[in-house]
């Protein structure tokens, strides 16, 4: 099924790589006027060149509330807003520095909160957040699991709060996705991780950013979808 977003304004925060870039491309290919935002102008320019379709860019740091509020005061309203996942540091609770834990929560949870608070979304529009399946199966990733669970709870609460404004709110929860998030790993170790996942996940595959983008676009295009958390995890939560 194909969806049309012709002449609709779409903002993708975190749209300069990975899942966010894939979502921006899907919206642009469906006719939307797409604006991607992140902290790096150079990465934004490179992503916009890959996406094409007249994609515009804006530098935005979601950890800076004054900047978030100023951005939305100038940007006008959007039909759909997507907040893609932020990178967070991990490690055992007893050894991970508290400053790193605070920074992770500030970036991913409070970043989404700030954007939800400031964004102006048109009637019948949507807000889509990106969490992660560690909310259900945290394993050793205690902090990431807690942050993702908080993001999902935020999405459900906002779906109720924004219902009178006829704005829908949903969350997409990815599993392991082969994306630039893992570029810092040794190449052999990264490939071994992908191979293990492809051999053990029920889907027998590693996820791609486009897989998650499909769910994001579906939720934005479906008027009856709100308060949902959609897993795109290859069966990771049941494996």
C-alpha atoms as a PDB file:
ATOM      1  CA  UNK A   1       0.000   0.000   0.000  1.00  0.00           C
ATOM      2  CA  UNK A   2       1.313   3.468  -0.867  1.00  0.00           C
ATOM      3  CA  UNK A   3       0.544   6.627   1.070  1.00  0.00           C
ATOM      4  CA  UNK A   4       0.316  10.209  -0.124  1.00  0.00           C
ATOM      5  CA  UNK A   5       1.585  13.193   1.844  1.00  0.00           C
ATOM      6  CA  UNK A   6       1.358  15.669  -1.008  1.00  0.00           C
ATOM      7  CA  UNK A   7       1.729  19.271   0.204  1.00  0.00           C
ATOM      8  CA  UNK A   8       1.975  18.171   3.845  1.00  0.00           C
ATOM      9  CA  UNK A   9       4.756  19.595   6.015  1.00  0.00           C
ATOM     10  CA  UNK A  10       6.825  16.968   7.800  1.00  0.00           C
ATOM     11  CA  UNK A  11       9.592  17.584  10.341  1.00  0.00           C
ATOM     12  CA  UNK A  12      12.015  14.769  11.179  1.00  0.00           C
ATOM     13  CA  UNK A  13      14.196  15.541  14.198  1.00  0.00           C
ATOM     14  CA  UNK A  14      17.247  13.317  13.943  1.00  0.00           C
ATOM     15  CA  UNK A  15      16.830  13.177  10.177  1.00  0.00           C
ATOM     16  CA  UNK A  16      20.507  13.379   9.243  1.00  0.00           C
ATOM     17  CA  UNK A  17      21.203   9.626   9.379  1.00  0.00           C
ATOM     18  CA  UNK A  18      19.837   6.163  10.069  1.00  0.00           C
ATOM     19  CA  UNK A  19      16.165   5.746  10.898  1.00  0.00           C
ATOM     20  CA  UNK A  20      15.441   9.462  10.766  1.00  0.00           C
ATOM     21  CA  UNK A  21      16.954   9.847   7.313  1.00  0.00           C
ATOM     22  CA  UNK A  22      15.080   6.800   6.028  1.00  0.00           C
ATOM     23  CA  UNK A  23      11.802   8.199   7.382  1.00  0.00           C
ATOM     24  CA  UNK A  24      12.481  11.579   5.807  1.00  0.00           C
ATOM     25  CA  UNK A  25      13.162   9.908   2.454  1.00  0.00           C
ATOM     26  CA  UNK A  26       9.924   7.915   2.640  1.00  0.00           C
ATOM     27  CA  UNK A  27       7.889  11.033   3.388  1.00  0.00           C
ATOM     28  CA  UNK A  28       9.636  12.985   0.632  1.00  0.00           C
ATOM     29  CA  UNK A  29       9.013  10.229  -1.906  1.00  0.00           C
ATOM     30  CA  UNK A  30       5.338  10.320  -0.898  1.00  0.00           C
ATOM     31  CA  UNK A  31       5.114  14.015  -1.783  1.00  0.00           C
ATOM     32  CA  UNK A  32       5.717  15.702   1.562  1.00  0.00           C
ATOM     33  CA  UNK A  33       7.593  18.944   2.095  1.00  0.00           C
ATOM     34  CA  UNK A  34      10.286  17.597   4.402  1.00  0.00           C
ATOM     35  CA  UNK A  35      12.456  19.452   6.892  1.00  0.00           C
ATOM     36  CA  UNK A  36      15.199  17.466   8.638  1.00  0.00           C
ATOM     37  CA  UNK A  37      16.805  18.717  11.837  1.00  0.00           C
ATOM     38  CA  UNK A  38      19.829  17.721  13.888  1.00  0.00           C
ATOM     39  CA  UNK A  39      22.831  19.315  15.569  1.00  0.00           C
ATOM     40  CA  UNK A  40      25.246  19.063  12.618  1.00  0.00           C
ATOM     41  CA  UNK A  41      24.772  21.235   9.539  1.00  0.00           C
ATOM     42  CA  UNK A  42      27.325  19.244   7.550  1.00  0.00           C
ATOM     43  CA  UNK A  43      25.555  15.947   8.252  1.00  0.00           C
ATOM     44  CA  UNK A  44      22.229  17.558   7.434  1.00  0.00           C
ATOM     45  CA  UNK A  45      23.531  18.826   4.105  1.00  0.00           C
ATOM     46  CA  UNK A  46      24.877  15.391   3.192  1.00  0.00           C
ATOM     47  CA  UNK A  47      21.607  13.674   4.150  1.00  0.00           C
ATOM     48  CA  UNK A  48      19.502  16.211   2.272  1.00  0.00           C
ATOM     49  CA  UNK A  49      21.598  15.554  -0.813  1.00  0.00           C
ATOM     50  CA  UNK A  50      20.956  11.830  -0.520  1.00  0.00           C
ATOM     51  CA  UNK A  51      17.218  12.306   0.072  1.00  0.00           C
ATOM     52  CA  UNK A  52      16.614  14.890  -2.643  1.00  0.00           C
ATOM     53  CA  UNK A  53      13.037  16.032  -3.372  1.00  0.00           C
ATOM     54  CA  UNK A  54      13.792  19.550  -2.132  1.00  0.00           C
ATOM     55  CA  UNK A  55      14.459  18.430   1.434  1.00  0.00           C
ATOM     56  CA  UNK A  56      15.298  21.383   3.679  1.00  0.00           C
ATOM     57  CA  UNK A  57      17.500  21.453   6.778  1.00  0.00           C
ATOM     58  CA  UNK A  58      17.613  23.132  10.171  1.00  0.00           C
ATOM     59  CA  UNK A  59      20.174  22.927  12.951  1.00  0.00           C
ATOM     60  CA  UNK A  60      18.431  22.005  16.199  1.00  0.00           C
ATOM     61  CA  UNK A  61      19.749  20.744  19.528  1.00  0.00           C
ATOM     62  CA  UNK A  62      16.895  19.038  21.369  1.00  0.00           C
ATOM     63  CA  UNK A  63      18.764  19.357  24.672  1.00  0.00           C
ATOM     64  CA  UNK A  64      18.561  23.172  24.456  1.00  0.00           C
ATOM     65  CA  UNK A  65      15.041  24.178  25.440  1.00  0.00           C
ATOM     66  CA  UNK A  66      15.458  27.828  24.437  1.00  0.00           C
ATOM     67  CA  UNK A  67      16.618  26.727  20.993  1.00  0.00           C
ATOM     68  CA  UNK A  68      13.705  24.297  20.656  1.00  0.00           C
ATOM     69  CA  UNK A  69      11.161  26.944  21.572  1.00  0.00           C
ATOM     70  CA  UNK A  70      12.748  29.523  19.257  1.00  0.00           C
ATOM     71  CA  UNK A  71      12.816  27.040  16.393  1.00  0.00           C
ATOM     72  CA  UNK A  72       9.130  26.201  16.618  1.00  0.00           C
ATOM     73  CA  UNK A  73       8.169  29.853  17.100  1.00  0.00           C
ATOM     74  CA  UNK A  74       9.741  30.589  13.712  1.00  0.00           C
ATOM     75  CA  UNK A  75       9.028  27.352  11.849  1.00  0.00           C
ATOM     76  CA  UNK A  76       5.240  27.485  11.853  1.00  0.00           C
ATOM     77  CA  UNK A  77       3.059  24.425  12.063  1.00  0.00           C
ATOM     78  CA  UNK A  78       3.606  20.926  10.729  1.00  0.00           C
ATOM     79  CA  UNK A  79       1.286  18.148   9.669  1.00  0.00           C
ATOM     80  CA  UNK A  80       3.575  15.451  11.049  1.00  0.00           C
ATOM     81  CA  UNK A  81       6.535  15.520  13.420  1.00  0.00           C
ATOM     82  CA  UNK A  82       8.905  12.586  13.936  1.00  0.00           C
ATOM     83  CA  UNK A  83      11.440  12.429  16.764  1.00  0.00           C
ATOM     84  CA  UNK A  84      14.022   9.789  15.919  1.00  0.00           C
ATOM     85  CA  UNK A  85      16.158   8.055  18.519  1.00  0.00           C
ATOM     86  CA  UNK A  86      19.129   9.790  20.101  1.00  0.00           C
ATOM     87  CA  UNK A  87      22.347   7.949  20.874  1.00  0.00           C
ATOM     88  CA  UNK A  88      22.909   7.217  24.566  1.00  0.00           C
ATOM     89  CA  UNK A  89      25.831   5.752  26.469  1.00  0.00           C
ATOM     90  CA  UNK A  90      25.339   2.457  28.236  1.00  0.00           C
ATOM     91  CA  UNK A  91      26.944   0.344  30.907  1.00  0.00           C
ATOM     92  CA  UNK A  92      26.245  -1.222  34.297  1.00  0.00           C
ATOM     93  CA  UNK A  93      24.293   1.039  36.631  1.00  0.00           C
ATOM     94  CA  UNK A  94      26.974   0.888  39.319  1.00  0.00           C
ATOM     95  CA  UNK A  95      29.820   1.903  37.006  1.00  0.00           C
ATOM     96  CA  UNK A  96      28.224   4.161  34.378  1.00  0.00           C
ATOM     97  CA  UNK A  97      29.004   7.761  35.379  1.00  0.00           C
ATOM     98  CA  UNK A  98      25.886   9.567  36.529  1.00  0.00           C
ATOM     99  CA  UNK A  99      26.683  12.435  34.166  1.00  0.00           C
ATOM    100  CA  UNK A 100      26.433  10.023  31.223  1.00  0.00           C
ATOM    101  CA  UNK A 101      23.169   8.605  32.532  1.00  0.00           C
ATOM    102  CA  UNK A 102      21.717  12.087  32.961  1.00  0.00           C
ATOM    103  CA  UNK A 103      22.885  13.066  29.470  1.00  0.00           C
ATOM    104  CA  UNK A 104      21.206  10.017  27.939  1.00  0.00           C
ATOM    105  CA  UNK A 105      17.897  10.801  29.611  1.00  0.00           C
ATOM    106  CA  UNK A 106      18.215  14.466  28.708  1.00  0.00           C
ATOM    107  CA  UNK A 107      18.849  13.703  25.046  1.00  0.00           C
ATOM    108  CA  UNK A 108      16.340  10.969  24.302  1.00  0.00           C
ATOM    109  CA  UNK A 109      13.498  11.405  26.806  1.00  0.00           C
ATOM    110  CA  UNK A 110      13.641  15.099  27.636  1.00  0.00           C
ATOM    111  CA  UNK A 111      14.507  15.892  24.012  1.00  0.00           C
ATOM    112  CA  UNK A 112      11.280  14.237  22.886  1.00  0.00           C
ATOM    113  CA  UNK A 113       9.411  15.947  25.728  1.00  0.00           C
ATOM    114  CA  UNK A 114      10.718  19.392  24.759  1.00  0.00           C
ATOM    115  CA  UNK A 115       9.762  18.898  21.130  1.00  0.00           C
ATOM    116  CA  UNK A 116       6.298  17.598  22.017  1.00  0.00           C
ATOM    117  CA  UNK A 117       5.815  20.605  24.297  1.00  0.00           C
ATOM    118  CA  UNK A 118       6.848  23.208  21.721  1.00  0.00           C
ATOM    119  CA  UNK A 119       5.787  21.750  18.360  1.00  0.00           C
ATOM    120  CA  UNK A 120       2.736  23.157  16.623  1.00  0.00           C
ATOM    121  CA  UNK A 121       0.979  20.294  14.857  1.00  0.00           C
ATOM    122  CA  UNK A 122      -1.999  20.816  12.584  1.00  0.00           C
ATOM    123  CA  UNK A 123      -5.381  19.272  13.272  1.00  0.00           C
ATOM    124  CA  UNK A 124      -5.481  15.631  12.122  1.00  0.00           C
ATOM    125  CA  UNK A 125      -1.698  15.622  12.226  1.00  0.00           C
ATOM    126  CA  UNK A 126       0.596  13.343  14.182  1.00  0.00           C
ATOM    127  CA  UNK A 127       3.629  13.087  16.417  1.00  0.00           C
ATOM    128  CA  UNK A 128       5.695   9.900  16.210  1.00  0.00           C
ATOM    129  CA  UNK A 129       8.421   9.024  18.701  1.00  0.00           C
ATOM    130  CA  UNK A 130      11.121   6.365  18.342  1.00  0.00           C
ATOM    131  CA  UNK A 131      11.964   4.239  21.380  1.00  0.00           C
ATOM    132  CA  UNK A 132      13.506   0.744  21.231  1.00  0.00           C
ATOM    133  CA  UNK A 133      12.685  -2.842  22.168  1.00  0.00           C
ATOM    134  CA  UNK A 134      14.976  -2.654  25.218  1.00  0.00           C
ATOM    135  CA  UNK A 135      11.962  -1.104  26.936  1.00  0.00           C
ATOM    136  CA  UNK A 136      10.600  -4.652  27.074  1.00  0.00           C
ATOM    137  CA  UNK A 137      13.827  -6.671  27.167  1.00  0.00           C
ATOM    138  CA  UNK A 138      16.513  -4.500  28.742  1.00  0.00           C
ATOM    139  CA  UNK A 139      18.986  -7.286  29.495  1.00  0.00           C
ATOM    140  CA  UNK A 140      22.152  -5.562  30.686  1.00  0.00           C
ATOM    141  CA  UNK A 141      21.122  -2.269  29.052  1.00  0.00           C
ATOM    142  CA  UNK A 142      19.309  -0.979  32.129  1.00  0.00           C
ATOM    143  CA  UNK A 143      19.514   2.720  31.320  1.00  0.00           C
ATOM    144  CA  UNK A 144      18.441   2.357  27.681  1.00  0.00           C
ATOM    145  CA  UNK A 145      15.561   0.116  28.712  1.00  0.00           C
ATOM    146  CA  UNK A 146      14.352   2.659  31.244  1.00  0.00           C
ATOM    147  CA  UNK A 147      14.660   5.572  28.803  1.00  0.00           C
ATOM    148  CA  UNK A 148      12.812   3.711  26.049  1.00  0.00           C
ATOM    149  CA  UNK A 149      10.041   2.706  28.438  1.00  0.00           C
ATOM    150  CA  UNK A 150       9.709   6.346  29.493  1.00  0.00           C
ATOM    151  CA  UNK A 151       9.461   7.454  25.853  1.00  0.00           C
ATOM    152  CA  UNK A 152       6.703   4.926  25.205  1.00  0.00           C
ATOM    153  CA  UNK A 153       4.786   6.028  28.285  1.00  0.00           C
ATOM    154  CA  UNK A 154       5.193   9.645  27.169  1.00  0.00           C
ATOM    155  CA  UNK A 155       3.680   8.739  23.803  1.00  0.00           C
ATOM    156  CA  UNK A 156       0.637   7.098  25.363  1.00  0.00           C
ATOM    157  CA  UNK A 157       0.057  10.013  27.724  1.00  0.00           C
ATOM    158  CA  UNK A 158       0.418  12.572  24.934  1.00  0.00           C
ATOM    159  CA  UNK A 159      -2.066  10.649  22.807  1.00  0.00           C
ATOM    160  CA  UNK A 160      -4.660  11.364  25.501  1.00  0.00           C
ATOM    161  CA  UNK A 161      -3.555  14.930  26.197  1.00  0.00           C
ATOM    162  CA  UNK A 162      -3.521  15.979  22.528  1.00  0.00           C
ATOM    163  CA  UNK A 163      -6.710  14.163  21.536  1.00  0.00           C
ATOM    164  CA  UNK A 164      -8.861  17.301  21.990  1.00  0.00           C
ATOM    165  CA  UNK A 165      -6.594  19.054  19.457  1.00  0.00           C
ATOM    166  CA  UNK A 166      -7.122  16.102  17.083  1.00  0.00           C
ATOM    167  CA  UNK A 167      -3.421  15.300  17.072  1.00  0.00           C
ATOM    168  CA  UNK A 168      -2.399  11.640  17.164  1.00  0.00           C
ATOM    169  CA  UNK A 169       0.700  10.357  18.995  1.00  0.00           C
ATOM    170  CA  UNK A 170       2.405   7.007  18.458  1.00  0.00           C
ATOM    171  CA  UNK A 171       5.730   5.326  19.134  1.00  0.00           C
ATOM    172  CA  UNK A 172       7.813   2.973  16.998  1.00  0.00           C
ATOM    173  CA  UNK A 173      10.077   0.556  18.859  1.00  0.00           C
ATOM    174  CA  UNK A 174      12.941  -0.849  16.762  1.00  0.00           C
ATOM    175  CA  UNK A 175      15.152  -3.807  17.516  1.00  0.00           C
ATOM    176  CA  UNK A 176      18.686  -4.189  16.196  1.00  0.00           C
ATOM    177  CA  UNK A 177      19.004  -2.004  13.105  1.00  0.00           C
ATOM    178  CA  UNK A 178      22.041  -1.937  10.818  1.00  0.00           C
ATOM    179  CA  UNK A 179      22.617   1.810  10.875  1.00  0.00           C
ATOM    180  CA  UNK A 180      25.388   4.393  11.434  1.00  0.00           C
ATOM    181  CA  UNK A 181      24.685   4.044  15.165  1.00  0.00           C
ATOM    182  CA  UNK A 182      27.138   1.118  15.138  1.00  0.00           C
ATOM    183  CA  UNK A 183      29.849   2.728  13.006  1.00  0.00           C
ATOM    184  CA  UNK A 184      32.047   3.234  16.055  1.00  0.00           C
ATOM    185  CA  UNK A 185      32.408  -0.527  16.517  1.00  0.00           C
ATOM    186  CA  UNK A 186      35.233  -2.570  15.061  1.00  0.00           C
ATOM    187  CA  UNK A 187      34.026  -3.729  11.637  1.00  0.00           C
ATOM    188  CA  UNK A 188      34.556  -7.428  12.368  1.00  0.00           C
ATOM    189  CA  UNK A 189      32.777  -7.204  15.718  1.00  0.00           C
ATOM    190  CA  UNK A 190      29.899  -5.316  14.131  1.00  0.00           C
ATOM    191  CA  UNK A 191      29.493  -7.915  11.401  1.00  0.00           C
ATOM    192  CA  UNK A 192      29.626 -10.712  13.962  1.00  0.00           C
ATOM    193  CA  UNK A 193      26.823  -8.990  15.893  1.00  0.00           C
ATOM    194  CA  UNK A 194      24.716  -8.712  12.733  1.00  0.00           C
ATOM    195  CA  UNK A 195      25.377 -12.337  11.788  1.00  0.00           C
ATOM    196  CA  UNK A 196      24.403 -13.582  15.246  1.00  0.00           C
ATOM    197  CA  UNK A 197      21.185 -11.569  15.165  1.00  0.00           C
ATOM    198  CA  UNK A 198      20.289 -12.811  11.683  1.00  0.00           C
ATOM    199  CA  UNK A 199      20.831 -16.404  12.832  1.00  0.00           C
ATOM    200  CA  UNK A 200      18.838 -16.174  16.061  1.00  0.00           C
ATOM    201  CA  UNK A 201      16.018 -13.664  15.601  1.00  0.00           C
ATOM    202  CA  UNK A 202      12.670 -15.148  14.481  1.00  0.00           C
ATOM    203  CA  UNK A 203      12.776 -12.889  11.396  1.00  0.00           C
ATOM    204  CA  UNK A 204      16.176 -14.399  10.491  1.00  0.00           C
ATOM    205  CA  UNK A 205      17.358 -10.965   9.422  1.00  0.00           C
ATOM    206  CA  UNK A 206      18.869  -7.777  10.763  1.00  0.00           C
ATOM    207  CA  UNK A 207      16.658  -4.719  10.535  1.00  0.00           C
ATOM    208  CA  UNK A 208      17.243  -1.833   8.140  1.00  0.00           C
ATOM    209  CA  UNK A 209      16.359   1.819   8.722  1.00  0.00           C
ATOM    210  CA  UNK A 210      13.790   1.492   5.937  1.00  0.00           C
ATOM    211  CA  UNK A 211      11.942  -1.183   7.936  1.00  0.00           C
ATOM    212  CA  UNK A 212      11.383   1.276  10.766  1.00  0.00           C
ATOM    213  CA  UNK A 213      10.573   4.097   8.343  1.00  0.00           C
ATOM    214  CA  UNK A 214       7.744   1.964   6.945  1.00  0.00           C
ATOM    215  CA  UNK A 215       6.128   1.837  10.388  1.00  0.00           C
ATOM    216  CA  UNK A 216       6.621   5.567  10.963  1.00  0.00           C
ATOM    217  CA  UNK A 217       4.939   6.448   7.670  1.00  0.00           C
ATOM    218  CA  UNK A 218       2.121   3.963   8.301  1.00  0.00           C
ATOM    219  CA  UNK A 219       1.315   5.532  11.672  1.00  0.00           C
ATOM    220  CA  UNK A 220       1.390   9.059  10.271  1.00  0.00           C
ATOM    221  CA  UNK A 221      -0.938   8.050   7.432  1.00  0.00           C
ATOM    222  CA  UNK A 222      -3.466   6.076   9.491  1.00  0.00           C
ATOM    223  CA  UNK A 223      -6.140   8.283  11.100  1.00  0.00           C
ATOM    224  CA  UNK A 224      -7.253   5.534  13.502  1.00  0.00           C
ATOM    225  CA  UNK A 225      -3.784   4.941  14.978  1.00  0.00           C
ATOM    226  CA  UNK A 226      -2.973   6.746  18.218  1.00  0.00           C
ATOM    227  CA  UNK A 227      -1.516   5.723  21.560  1.00  0.00           C
ATOM    228  CA  UNK A 228       0.183   2.770  19.874  1.00  0.00           C
ATOM    229  CA  UNK A 229       3.652   1.332  20.282  1.00  0.00           C
ATOM    230  CA  UNK A 230       4.614  -0.605  17.152  1.00  0.00           C
ATOM    231  CA  UNK A 231       7.449  -3.102  17.470  1.00  0.00           C
ATOM    232  CA  UNK A 232       9.775  -3.510  14.500  1.00  0.00           C
ATOM    233  CA  UNK A 233      12.290  -5.797  16.166  1.00  0.00           C
ATOM    234  CA  UNK A 234      12.553  -8.977  14.128  1.00  0.00           C
ATOM    235  CA  UNK A 235      10.828 -10.805  16.980  1.00  0.00           C
ATOM    236  CA  UNK A 236      13.466  -9.743  19.480  1.00  0.00           C
ATOM    237  CA  UNK A 237      11.000  -9.292  22.319  1.00  0.00           C
ATOM    238  CA  UNK A 238       9.768 -12.887  22.012  1.00  0.00           C
ATOM    239  CA  UNK A 239      13.052 -14.620  21.185  1.00  0.00           C
END
